[in-house]
Amino acid sequence: MFNERLEAALDNLIEEIRESEECRNYREKFDAVRSDDGAMDCIGRIRELNLSVSRMSEEEYERESENLSARMEELCSDSRVSEFILAEVDFSRMYQYITDKIVDLLDE
């Protein structure tokens, strides 16, 4: 589809991402929970909670912060789940960094 140099560069980038500590850790933690329906359900609820928090006003967040903290602690009681969520956050940060860097370089 694209020229060969671009395809090769993308292949190299993907390989570097796959070999990164963030990606390897993410896959390892995902493998530890993916066959456990309860853990995956818990991860889904954590994601929903995080999304709802991101949509809250500052006032609403302050009013609900204790309840949110308690709910998150309850959802993360399985160490595999909390380790996966942390690994997912690290991987997402790396992905966001790559995306931001591409956009910044294209804007120059």
C-alpha atoms as a PDB file:
ATOM      1  CA  MET A   1       0.000   0.000   0.000  1.00  0.00           C
ATOM      2  CA  PHE A   2       2.670   2.511   1.018  1.00  0.00           C
ATOM      3  CA  ASN A   3       6.153   2.728  -0.329  1.00  0.00           C
ATOM      4  CA  GLU A   4       8.583   0.030   0.743  1.00  0.00           C
ATOM      5  CA  ARG A   5      10.672   2.319   2.974  1.00  0.00           C
ATOM      6  CA  LEU A   6       7.626   3.370   4.969  1.00  0.00           C
ATOM      7  CA  GLU A   7       6.476  -0.241   5.316  1.00  0.00           C
ATOM      8  CA  ALA A   8       9.970  -1.243   6.520  1.00  0.00           C
ATOM      9  CA  ALA A   9      10.049   1.644   8.993  1.00  0.00           C
ATOM     10  CA  LEU A  10       6.621   0.668  10.364  1.00  0.00           C
ATOM     11  CA  ASP A  11       7.678  -2.967  10.643  1.00  0.00           C
ATOM     12  CA  ASN A  12      10.778  -1.867  12.582  1.00  0.00           C
ATOM     13  CA  LEU A  13       8.715   0.382  14.851  1.00  0.00           C
ATOM     14  CA  ILE A  14       6.252  -2.417  15.597  1.00  0.00           C
ATOM     15  CA  GLU A  15       9.098  -4.809  16.351  1.00  0.00           C
ATOM     16  CA  GLU A  16      10.664  -2.278  18.735  1.00  0.00           C
ATOM     17  CA  ILE A  17       7.305  -1.807  20.475  1.00  0.00           C
ATOM     18  CA  ARG A  18       6.861  -5.575  20.815  1.00  0.00           C
ATOM     19  CA  GLU A  19      10.322  -5.906  22.322  1.00  0.00           C
ATOM     20  CA  SER A  20       9.895  -3.000  24.747  1.00  0.00           C
ATOM     21  CA  GLU A  21       9.735  -3.710  28.453  1.00  0.00           C
ATOM     22  CA  GLU A  22       6.308  -2.059  28.585  1.00  0.00           C
ATOM     23  CA  CYS A  23       4.866  -4.347  25.929  1.00  0.00           C
ATOM     24  CA  ARG A  24       6.472  -7.500  27.281  1.00  0.00           C
ATOM     25  CA  ASN A  25       5.199  -6.685  30.782  1.00  0.00           C
ATOM     26  CA  TYR A  26       1.722  -5.906  29.433  1.00  0.00           C
ATOM     27  CA  ARG A  27       1.531  -9.226  27.572  1.00  0.00           C
ATOM     28  CA  GLU A  28       2.833 -11.153  30.591  1.00  0.00           C
ATOM     29  CA  LYS A  29       0.253  -9.578  32.911  1.00  0.00           C
ATOM     30  CA  PHE A  30      -2.514 -10.039  30.326  1.00  0.00           C
ATOM     31  CA  ASP A  31      -1.649 -13.722  29.950  1.00  0.00           C
ATOM     32  CA  ALA A  32      -2.025 -14.072  33.723  1.00  0.00           C
ATOM     33  CA  VAL A  33      -5.638 -12.837  33.693  1.00  0.00           C
ATOM     34  CA  ARG A  34      -7.133 -13.440  30.258  1.00  0.00           C
ATOM     35  CA  SER A  35      -8.510 -16.911  30.946  1.00  0.00           C
ATOM     36  CA  ASP A  36     -10.091 -15.814  34.251  1.00  0.00           C
ATOM     37  CA  ASP A  37     -13.568 -14.434  33.550  1.00  0.00           C
ATOM     38  CA  GLY A  38     -13.796 -12.902  37.016  1.00  0.00           C
ATOM     39  CA  ALA A  39     -10.523 -11.035  36.611  1.00  0.00           C
ATOM     40  CA  MET A  40     -11.479  -9.834  33.127  1.00  0.00           C
ATOM     41  CA  ASP A  41     -14.846  -8.638  34.435  1.00  0.00           C
ATOM     42  CA  CYS A  42     -13.057  -6.764  37.198  1.00  0.00           C
ATOM     43  CA  ILE A  43     -10.722  -5.151  34.650  1.00  0.00           C
ATOM     44  CA  GLY A  44     -13.749  -4.066  32.623  1.00  0.00           C
ATOM     45  CA  ARG A  45     -15.317  -2.490  35.705  1.00  0.00           C
ATOM     46  CA  ILE A  46     -12.056  -0.668  36.511  1.00  0.00           C
ATOM     47  CA  ARG A  47     -11.958   0.722  32.977  1.00  0.00           C
ATOM     48  CA  GLU A  48     -15.585   1.865  33.294  1.00  0.00           C
ATOM     49  CA  LEU A  49     -14.821   3.496  36.640  1.00  0.00           C
ATOM     50  CA  ASN A  50     -11.778   5.281  35.201  1.00  0.00           C
ATOM     51  CA  LEU A  51     -13.865   6.528  32.286  1.00  0.00           C
ATOM     52  CA  SER A  52     -16.563   7.848  34.591  1.00  0.00           C
ATOM     53  CA  VAL A  53     -13.922   9.593  36.727  1.00  0.00           C
ATOM     54  CA  SER A  54     -12.456  11.246  33.628  1.00  0.00           C
ATOM     55  CA  ARG A  55     -15.894  12.709  32.869  1.00  0.00           C
ATOM     56  CA  MET A  56     -16.472  14.095  36.382  1.00  0.00           C
ATOM     57  CA  SER A  57     -16.213  17.736  37.275  1.00  0.00           C
ATOM     58  CA  GLU A  58     -13.644  18.640  39.894  1.00  0.00           C
ATOM     59  CA  GLU A  59     -16.419  19.220  42.437  1.00  0.00           C
ATOM     60  CA  GLU A  60     -18.030  15.892  41.698  1.00  0.00           C
ATOM     61  CA  TYR A  61     -14.676  14.117  41.952  1.00  0.00           C
ATOM     62  CA  GLU A  62     -13.920  15.703  45.332  1.00  0.00           C
ATOM     63  CA  ARG A  63     -17.377  14.773  46.605  1.00  0.00           C
ATOM     64  CA  GLU A  64     -17.005  11.160  45.410  1.00  0.00           C
ATOM     65  CA  SER A  65     -13.271  10.615  45.981  1.00  0.00           C
ATOM     66  CA  GLU A  66     -13.611   8.457  49.097  1.00  0.00           C
ATOM     67  CA  ASN A  67     -16.222   6.230  47.467  1.00  0.00           C
ATOM     68  CA  LEU A  68     -14.120   6.020  44.296  1.00  0.00           C
ATOM     69  CA  SER A  69     -11.014   5.071  46.255  1.00  0.00           C
ATOM     70  CA  ALA A  70     -12.879   2.377  48.156  1.00  0.00           C
ATOM     71  CA  ARG A  71     -14.396   1.001  44.946  1.00  0.00           C
ATOM     72  CA  MET A  72     -11.014   0.950  43.196  1.00  0.00           C
ATOM     73  CA  GLU A  73      -9.387  -0.770  46.160  1.00  0.00           C
ATOM     74  CA  GLU A  74     -12.135  -3.395  46.125  1.00  0.00           C
ATOM     75  CA  LEU A  75     -11.741  -3.954  42.377  1.00  0.00           C
ATOM     76  CA  CYS A  76      -7.945  -4.220  42.641  1.00  0.00           C
ATOM     77  CA  SER A  77      -7.943  -6.727  45.506  1.00  0.00           C
ATOM     78  CA  ASP A  78      -6.676  -9.411  43.108  1.00  0.00           C
ATOM     79  CA  SER A  79      -2.978  -8.597  42.670  1.00  0.00           C
ATOM     80  CA  ARG A  80      -3.039  -9.958  39.115  1.00  0.00           C
ATOM     81  CA  VAL A  81      -5.710  -7.425  38.213  1.00  0.00           C
ATOM     82  CA  SER A  82      -3.878  -4.479  39.764  1.00  0.00           C
ATOM     83  CA  GLU A  83      -0.601  -5.567  38.150  1.00  0.00           C
ATOM     84  CA  PHE A  84      -2.335  -5.806  34.771  1.00  0.00           C
ATOM     85  CA  ILE A  85      -3.917  -2.355  35.146  1.00  0.00           C
ATOM     86  CA  LEU A  86      -0.518  -0.831  36.010  1.00  0.00           C
ATOM     87  CA  ALA A  87       1.099  -2.596  33.051  1.00  0.00           C
ATOM     88  CA  GLU A  88      -1.698  -1.390  30.785  1.00  0.00           C
ATOM     89  CA  VAL A  89      -1.186   2.185  31.970  1.00  0.00           C
ATOM     90  CA  ASP A  90       2.563   1.951  31.301  1.00  0.00           C
ATOM     91  CA  PHE A  91       1.941   0.523  27.824  1.00  0.00           C
ATOM     92  CA  SER A  92      -0.645   3.233  27.110  1.00  0.00           C
ATOM     93  CA  ARG A  93       1.807   5.938  28.170  1.00  0.00           C
ATOM     94  CA  MET A  94       4.402   4.543  25.782  1.00  0.00           C
ATOM     95  CA  TYR A  95       1.831   4.410  22.989  1.00  0.00           C
ATOM     96  CA  GLN A  96       0.764   7.997  23.723  1.00  0.00           C
ATOM     97  CA  TYR A  97       4.414   9.119  23.699  1.00  0.00           C
ATOM     98  CA  ILE A  98       4.930   7.525  20.267  1.00  0.00           C
ATOM     99  CA  THR A  99       1.767   9.126  18.901  1.00  0.00           C
ATOM    100  CA  ASP A 100       2.680  12.542  20.323  1.00  0.00           C
ATOM    101  CA  LYS A 101       6.209  12.289  18.930  1.00  0.00           C
ATOM    102  CA  ILE A 102       4.921  11.450  15.434  1.00  0.00           C
ATOM    103  CA  VAL A 103       2.481  14.374  15.518  1.00  0.00           C
ATOM    104  CA  ASP A 104       5.172  16.755  16.831  1.00  0.00           C
ATOM    105  CA  LEU A 105       7.648  15.720  14.146  1.00  0.00           C
ATOM    106  CA  LEU A 106       5.060  16.056  11.391  1.00  0.00           C
ATOM    107  CA  ASP A 107       4.144  19.538  12.634  1.00  0.00           C
ATOM    108  CA  GLU A 108       7.749  20.759  12.358  1.00  0.00           C
END
